[in-house]
């Protein structure tokens, strides 16, 4: 008989306990599958589950005693990421039942590390504007956030310890905040995006969703194939800049209160926290981001737009039409603007381990089909800097409200170590 509740172990703990013989990879996988069977009808996180195939893989893992970093650990994959043995449907009828000829680079590297690819998670149509069926596991009347909705919900509901998502706007950070998990967007494309459906090539990025900061580094290093990122808590209290961002007026009361609580908690734990105001020159970055996104997305979707227009939702078709109508000069000016802001941001970050900023405007809104909250994530996406969302706070509706930490470009380890320190401070505060 398998141990009860082992699906609640995070990936690193599960890997260690499998190696120690506390339980088998098959035990852990069956516990995850049992949780899926119990909750999937309500949460709707999955578009494809390879149940029999993954059980066979787990049995093989138990027999092999492999040494891979994720040996025997199940991972979920967002359904815009290619898998050679499962459909990749992009949330669209255009690709219904289509199985790619090869794995995306991140999937191939995860398999190399010994991970078991459990299945594909629900995404909105082409990870864009039309939501899928996934509900927030904390309250199924509320959205999980998009577009890595199924990935975040599956991790939050203990169906799987880790999942791969993507972010071009806010598609990892927002659902992580809404669902109460750790969401990580690395520095732009340090994780390979080959084999991921292109939305906007200059903005697209992988995302990792887990239940601990340590697992972020574990999964990222498995994808990189080397021991590149580290997430041991920094040995000194971090220096943190509170950056409300230019969009602070749109923050709801829940987020404003969480920011106040987080600042007090971090100062109480010994961190230095001071306010950082970005120059007015950053205010135009959001408009520039949207121009770049529309222009590049339209061209990336040219095949679908010109050959399958009747199978696109009106909302997506409208976005693509806007992109095709955007003058190249406007697109080029937007690109130049964000390049200048990226250069300007480096010196601002120089004195800080991380910036603290909202992860979302507030709690997850009620309803599954409403417009997305875009402000507090895509500002950092366009700057190409790493971002991580941490859970531990709730709003007035008892739904999660994440906090977001931002790092300097290519200083992902520095950000993760600061985040691990903050994570430990949050966890310690729950036991006071």
Foldseek 3Di string as FASTA:
>chain_A
DADPPPLPDAQQVVVVCCLVPVDFLLSNLVNLVVLCVVPCVLFVWAPDFPVVVLSVLRVVLSVPSDDFLRASAEEEEALQFADQVFFRQQQFPVRPPPHDNHGFLLVVLLVVSNYRHGHYTQFHRNFDAFGDCGAQPVDRLFALFAGSSSQLRSCLSSSHFKYKDKDQFQHFLRSCQQNFWKKKWAQACPQPPGRGQDQFVVQMTMMMTGRALQVRQSSSCSSVVHNDAGQAADPAQWEEEAEQDPCVVLADPQQVVVVVVLVVLSVVVPYHYYYDYDDPLLVCLVVLSLLSRLQRRLVSCVCCCVPPVVRDDPVVNVSSVVNVPRDVVSNVVSLVSLVVVLVVVQVSQVRGLWYKYFSFSHHGDGHHGDGGGRPGRRSVSSSSWMKMWHWQGAGPVRTGTTIMITHRRPVNNSNSNNVNNSNVSSVVVVVD
